Protein backbone atom coordinates (compact mmCIF):
# COMPACT_ATOMS: atom_id res chain seq x y z
CA MET A 1 138.96 100.46 136.59
CA VAL A 2 139.67 103.90 138.00
CA TRP A 3 138.57 105.45 135.18
CA LYS A 4 135.53 102.90 135.67
CA ARG A 5 134.29 104.84 138.59
CA TYR A 6 134.20 107.84 137.67
CA THR A 7 132.18 107.19 134.52
CA GLU A 8 129.92 105.33 136.00
CA SER A 9 129.23 107.60 138.77
CA PHE A 10 128.87 110.37 136.75
CA LYS A 11 125.88 108.43 134.97
CA GLN A 12 124.74 108.20 137.95
CA TRP A 13 124.76 111.68 138.68
CA LEU A 14 123.49 112.66 135.29
CA GLN A 15 120.03 110.26 136.07
CA LEU A 16 119.90 111.38 139.19
CA LEU A 17 119.64 114.52 137.91
CA ASN A 18 116.59 114.43 135.24
CA TYR A 19 118.54 114.51 132.06
CA THR A 20 117.20 112.79 128.81
CA LEU A 21 117.97 109.20 128.68
CA SER A 22 120.18 109.73 125.27
CA THR A 23 122.31 111.96 127.24
CA THR A 24 122.16 109.43 130.15
CA GLU A 25 123.79 107.40 127.95
CA ARG A 26 125.64 109.58 125.29
CA MET A 27 128.00 111.31 127.49
CA PRO A 28 129.70 108.61 129.78
CA ARG A 29 130.14 107.44 126.71
CA GLN A 30 132.50 110.16 125.54
CA ILE A 31 133.83 110.31 128.61
CA GLU A 32 134.95 107.25 128.33
CA GLU A 33 136.29 107.58 125.09
CA PHE A 34 138.63 110.51 126.85
CA PHE A 35 139.88 108.50 129.49
CA GLU A 36 141.06 105.94 126.87
CA TRP A 37 143.05 107.85 125.02
CA ILE A 38 144.62 109.84 127.76
CA ASP A 39 145.64 105.52 129.33
CA ARG A 40 146.92 105.23 125.51
CA SER A 41 148.48 108.06 124.75
CA GLU A 42 149.47 109.52 127.44
CA LYS A 43 150.15 106.58 130.09
CA ILE A 44 148.00 108.27 133.35
CA SER A 45 146.86 106.75 135.73
CA SER A 46 144.63 109.32 138.15
CA LEU A 47 143.18 112.15 137.17
CA GLU A 48 145.37 115.05 139.23
CA GLN A 49 148.14 114.09 136.94
CA ILE A 50 145.30 115.25 133.96
CA SER A 51 146.67 118.53 132.86
CA ARG A 52 145.21 121.34 130.18
CA GLN A 53 147.77 120.30 127.82
CA HIS A 54 146.55 116.65 127.74
CA VAL A 55 142.60 118.01 127.05
CA HIS A 56 143.87 120.04 124.32
CA GLY A 57 145.97 117.20 123.12
CA TYR A 58 142.74 114.91 123.60
CA TYR A 59 140.87 117.47 121.19
CA GLU A 60 143.18 117.86 118.41
CA TYR A 61 142.99 114.66 118.04
CA LEU A 62 138.99 114.27 117.90
CA LYS A 63 139.28 116.96 115.69
CA TYR A 64 142.18 116.22 113.26
CA THR A 65 142.31 112.12 113.57
CA ARG A 66 139.50 110.96 115.25
CA LYS A 67 136.52 110.01 112.16
CA SER A 68 133.18 108.92 112.77
CA GLN A 69 132.24 105.26 111.90
CA ASN A 70 129.19 105.77 109.66
CA THR A 71 131.09 108.04 107.11
CA ASP A 72 135.24 107.17 107.62
CA THR A 73 134.97 112.05 107.89
CA PHE A 74 136.29 113.87 110.31
CA LEU A 75 133.82 114.49 112.82
CA LYS A 76 131.44 117.82 112.40
CA SER A 77 131.40 121.14 114.49
CA GLN A 78 128.46 119.87 116.37
CA THR A 79 129.78 116.49 117.03
CA LEU A 80 133.00 118.52 118.63
CA ASN A 81 130.20 120.58 120.49
CA GLY A 82 128.92 117.69 122.14
CA HIS A 83 131.75 116.21 123.59
CA ILE A 84 133.19 119.90 124.71
CA ARG A 85 129.93 119.74 126.47
CA ALA A 86 130.14 116.44 128.22
CA LEU A 87 133.58 117.09 129.12
CA LYS A 88 132.92 120.44 130.60
CA LEU A 89 129.93 118.70 132.47
CA PHE A 90 131.71 115.97 134.02
CA SER A 91 134.54 118.37 135.09
CA PHE A 92 131.34 120.25 137.01
CA TYR A 93 130.43 117.02 138.47
CA LEU A 94 133.77 116.59 139.74
CA GLU A 95 133.56 119.78 141.47
CA GLU A 96 130.42 119.72 142.90
CA THR A 97 130.87 116.49 143.70
CA LEU A 98 134.08 116.85 145.18
CA GLN A 99 136.04 114.56 143.37
CA GLY A 100 138.87 116.39 142.61
CA ARG A 101 139.15 119.33 139.01
CA LEU A 102 140.03 118.97 135.46
CA THR A 103 140.25 122.33 133.46
CA ILE A 104 138.33 122.33 130.26
CA ASP A 105 138.84 125.95 128.39
CA LEU A 106 137.83 124.53 125.18
CA PHE A 107 136.38 127.07 122.85
CA TYR A 108 133.02 125.67 120.84
CA GLU A 109 133.42 125.72 116.93
CA LYS A 110 131.63 127.44 114.75
CA LYS A 111 128.58 126.29 113.85
CA GLU A 112 127.94 124.92 110.43
CA THR A 113 125.36 126.78 108.39
CA ALA A 114 123.55 123.71 106.74
CA ILE A 115 123.48 122.76 103.26
CA ARG A 116 120.33 120.94 102.70
CA GLN A 117 120.66 118.79 99.89
CA ILE A 118 117.75 118.10 97.46
CA LEU A 119 116.40 115.27 94.83
CA SER A 120 114.53 115.44 92.14
CA THR A 121 111.77 113.11 91.80
CA GLN A 122 113.09 111.49 88.96
CA GLU A 123 115.89 110.78 90.93
CA VAL A 124 114.05 109.50 93.86
CA GLN A 125 112.35 107.34 91.48
CA LEU A 126 116.20 105.57 90.47
CA LEU A 127 116.11 105.01 93.72
CA TYR A 128 112.98 102.75 94.17
CA GLN A 129 114.01 101.32 90.88
CA ALA A 130 117.64 100.38 92.17
CA THR A 131 115.83 97.97 94.93
CA GLY A 132 116.19 94.57 94.42
CA GLU A 133 113.98 91.40 94.50
CA ASP A 134 115.28 89.64 97.24
CA HIS A 135 114.04 90.24 101.32
CA TYR A 136 116.19 93.34 101.41
CA GLY A 137 115.16 94.49 98.06
CA ILE A 138 111.89 94.40 99.89
CA ARG A 139 113.74 96.26 102.79
CA GLU A 140 115.13 99.09 100.80
CA ARG A 141 111.28 100.21 99.55
CA ALA A 142 110.31 99.65 103.44
CA MET A 143 113.29 102.12 103.97
CA LEU A 144 111.96 104.27 100.95
CA ASN A 145 108.81 104.86 102.17
CA LEU A 146 109.95 105.63 105.43
CA TYR A 147 111.71 108.63 104.87
CA TYR A 148 110.64 110.02 101.61
CA GLY A 149 107.16 108.79 100.88
CA CYS A 150 106.28 109.63 105.22
CA GLY A 151 108.81 112.17 105.65
CA LEU A 152 110.11 110.56 108.92
CA ARG A 153 113.57 111.85 110.47
CA SER A 154 115.88 109.16 111.26
CA LYS A 155 115.51 108.13 114.66
CA GLU A 156 111.54 108.06 114.30
CA GLY A 157 111.96 105.48 111.18
CA ILE A 158 114.30 103.00 113.61
CA ALA A 159 112.12 103.29 116.72
CA LEU A 160 109.27 102.36 114.97
CA ASP A 161 107.91 99.19 116.21
CA THR A 162 105.25 96.60 114.06
CA GLY A 163 102.31 97.87 115.72
CA ASP A 164 102.96 101.62 114.60
CA ILE A 165 102.22 100.85 111.05
CA MET A 166 99.13 100.73 110.62
CA LEU A 167 97.64 98.81 107.21
CA ASP A 168 94.43 99.71 108.00
CA LYS A 169 94.15 103.53 108.34
CA LYS A 170 97.32 103.73 105.75
CA MET A 171 98.74 105.68 108.52
CA VAL A 172 101.65 105.29 110.82
CA TYR A 173 102.45 106.06 114.17
CA VAL A 174 105.47 108.67 115.63
CA ARG A 175 105.28 107.81 118.95
CA GLN A 176 109.36 109.29 119.27
CA GLY A 177 109.28 112.41 117.61
CA LYS A 178 111.48 114.47 118.22
CA ASN A 179 111.03 116.83 121.46
CA TYR A 180 108.39 113.35 122.61
CA LYS A 181 105.51 115.04 119.56
CA GLU A 182 103.58 112.42 118.40
CA ARG A 183 102.13 112.55 115.11
CA TYR A 184 100.44 109.87 112.76
CA VAL A 185 101.56 109.79 109.15
CA PRO A 186 98.84 109.19 105.87
CA PHE A 187 100.51 107.04 103.25
CA THR A 188 99.79 105.95 99.99
CA GLU A 189 98.16 102.02 98.64
CA LYS A 190 100.72 101.75 96.70
CA GLN A 191 103.06 102.26 100.36
CA LYS A 192 100.46 99.96 101.77
CA GLU A 193 101.12 97.00 99.52
CA ASP A 194 105.42 97.64 99.59
CA PHE A 195 104.56 97.55 103.71
CA GLU A 196 102.63 94.21 103.05
CA GLN A 197 105.31 93.46 101.25
CA TYR A 198 108.34 93.88 103.45
CA LEU A 199 105.73 92.64 107.28
CA LYS A 200 105.21 89.02 104.98
CA TYR A 201 107.94 88.18 103.16
CA SER A 202 111.15 90.21 104.58
CA ARG A 203 110.54 90.97 107.51
CA PRO A 204 110.26 87.15 108.88
CA GLN A 205 113.09 85.88 107.48
CA LEU A 206 115.73 88.75 109.19
CA ILE A 207 114.29 88.19 112.88
CA ARG A 208 116.06 86.50 114.80
CA TYR A 209 113.89 86.40 117.76
CA GLU A 210 109.94 85.66 118.42
CA ASN A 211 109.10 88.41 120.07
CA GLU A 212 111.03 91.01 118.63
CA LYS A 213 108.80 94.23 118.14
CA ALA A 214 110.58 96.73 115.55
CA PHE A 215 109.31 97.25 112.39
CA LEU A 216 112.87 97.23 110.02
CA ILE A 217 115.04 95.01 111.40
CA GLY A 218 118.63 94.87 110.69
CA HIS A 219 121.24 92.22 110.39
CA ALA A 220 121.63 91.13 112.95
CA GLY A 221 118.38 90.24 113.66
CA LYS A 222 117.16 93.20 115.73
CA ARG A 223 116.09 96.51 115.23
CA ILE A 224 117.38 98.61 112.60
CA SER A 225 120.96 100.35 113.15
CA TYR A 226 121.15 104.35 111.72
CA GLY A 227 124.68 103.16 110.53
CA ILE A 228 123.02 99.56 107.71
CA LEU A 229 120.00 102.76 107.19
CA LEU A 230 122.78 105.02 105.57
CA LYS A 231 124.67 102.19 103.68
CA THR A 232 122.03 100.98 102.63
CA LEU A 233 120.92 104.47 100.97
CA LYS A 234 124.74 104.49 99.37
CA ARG A 235 124.48 101.31 98.02
CA LEU A 236 121.26 102.31 96.64
CA GLN A 237 122.80 105.18 95.25
CA GLU A 238 125.82 103.84 93.31
CA HIS A 239 123.10 100.95 91.72
CA THR A 240 121.25 104.12 90.26
CA GLY A 241 123.45 104.10 87.65
CA ASP A 242 123.17 107.67 87.34
CA ALA A 243 126.48 109.92 87.49
CA THR A 244 124.67 112.93 88.87
CA LEU A 245 122.91 110.96 91.21
CA LYS A 246 125.58 109.14 92.86
CA GLN A 247 128.49 112.41 93.29
CA LYS A 248 125.57 114.28 95.65
CA THR A 249 126.18 113.83 99.01
CA ILE A 250 122.90 113.05 100.79
CA GLY A 251 121.68 111.04 104.55
CA LEU A 252 118.48 109.70 104.92
CA HIS A 253 117.73 113.62 105.95
CA ALA A 254 117.40 114.14 102.14
CA LEU A 255 114.94 111.53 101.22
CA ARG A 256 112.64 114.02 104.46
CA HIS A 257 114.01 117.25 102.36
CA SER A 258 113.16 115.92 98.97
CA ILE A 259 109.52 115.22 99.64
CA ALA A 260 108.73 118.70 101.92
CA THR A 261 110.30 120.44 99.03
CA HIS A 262 108.07 118.07 96.38
CA LEU A 263 104.95 118.62 98.80
CA MET A 264 105.31 122.72 98.19
CA GLN A 265 105.81 122.26 94.39
CA ARG A 266 102.22 120.41 94.07
CA GLY A 267 100.98 123.01 96.27
CA MET A 268 100.05 121.75 99.49
CA LYS A 269 98.95 124.03 101.98
CA PHE A 270 101.81 124.77 103.98
CA ASP A 271 100.40 123.91 107.65
CA TYR A 272 99.64 121.07 106.07
CA ILE A 273 103.58 120.01 105.65
CA SER A 274 104.48 121.24 109.07
CA GLN A 275 101.59 118.43 110.45
CA PHE A 276 103.37 115.99 108.47
CA LEU A 277 106.35 116.95 109.06
CA GLY A 278 106.27 116.98 112.48
CA HIS A 279 107.36 120.95 113.16
CA SER A 280 106.62 122.14 115.96
CA ASN A 281 107.89 125.73 114.92
CA LEU A 282 106.23 126.70 111.06
CA ALA A 283 109.51 128.39 110.99
CA SER A 284 111.14 125.81 110.57
CA THR A 285 109.13 125.02 107.02
CA GLU A 286 109.05 128.03 105.73
CA VAL A 287 112.60 126.31 104.29
CA TYR A 288 111.41 124.55 102.14
CA MET A 289 109.25 127.49 100.50
CA HIS A 290 112.62 128.50 98.99
CA LEU A 291 113.95 125.48 98.67
CA ALA A 292 111.02 124.13 96.30
CA THR A 293 111.32 127.28 93.82
CA GLN A 294 115.18 126.30 93.20
CA GLU A 295 114.36 122.93 92.49
């Protein structure tokens, strides 16, 4: 219980300083994980007993033992750095509130060079063809239409409500884009038909609560999670039966990268693609110029 008091007060402190909602939820959970490891591995019951060696032991656990629940792979540098930031900020919080001292002298991991995995138009078609005809298959096509057809980021698609799918205008209203930037994304007549099928036949079989507003529904009858979306994509990838495609390491963002590259190959204007993707900086879109020539 002593650790719970620290994590709860840390969360309140973050809220008072106007940190974002995601930060005020994520960082206390990361500190809670630290304390759980301390309890499990070191049998320590007070903050004063936690030494520099304990902190380094925890970080070695994160780096060499802990695995991602979604991908079952070791934590990436970006995730590890997030844990370091949480520990450093928690240490600062303790000193600012005169609750003690926790030495965090961990070094940040070097940023990994992002490898953008691009699918060919033929491979995308194979994913569509791998979808089933039941209500789960209809949901799979809706997912592909959002992340490939509309080029949404993972969080943008998850955050969509039913009212954000504007069938009459053939537009998706992205209200929770990166840096809180809103935008409208167009979709085709075929995508409209798939969305209508999902709303009419699939979603009603998935929801458990009549007042649920989420567009994409998971197995629990609530807003779908990133984990379910990723598992769905991996399953489609396997069901294509294509040996080359099955060997590729892809996620939802690969669909976004792919549609951006394909639009550029088709000659769409640079600034249109930037608006479509919701980029605040044209430099973010420029990378696809190189990818388009390599396809």
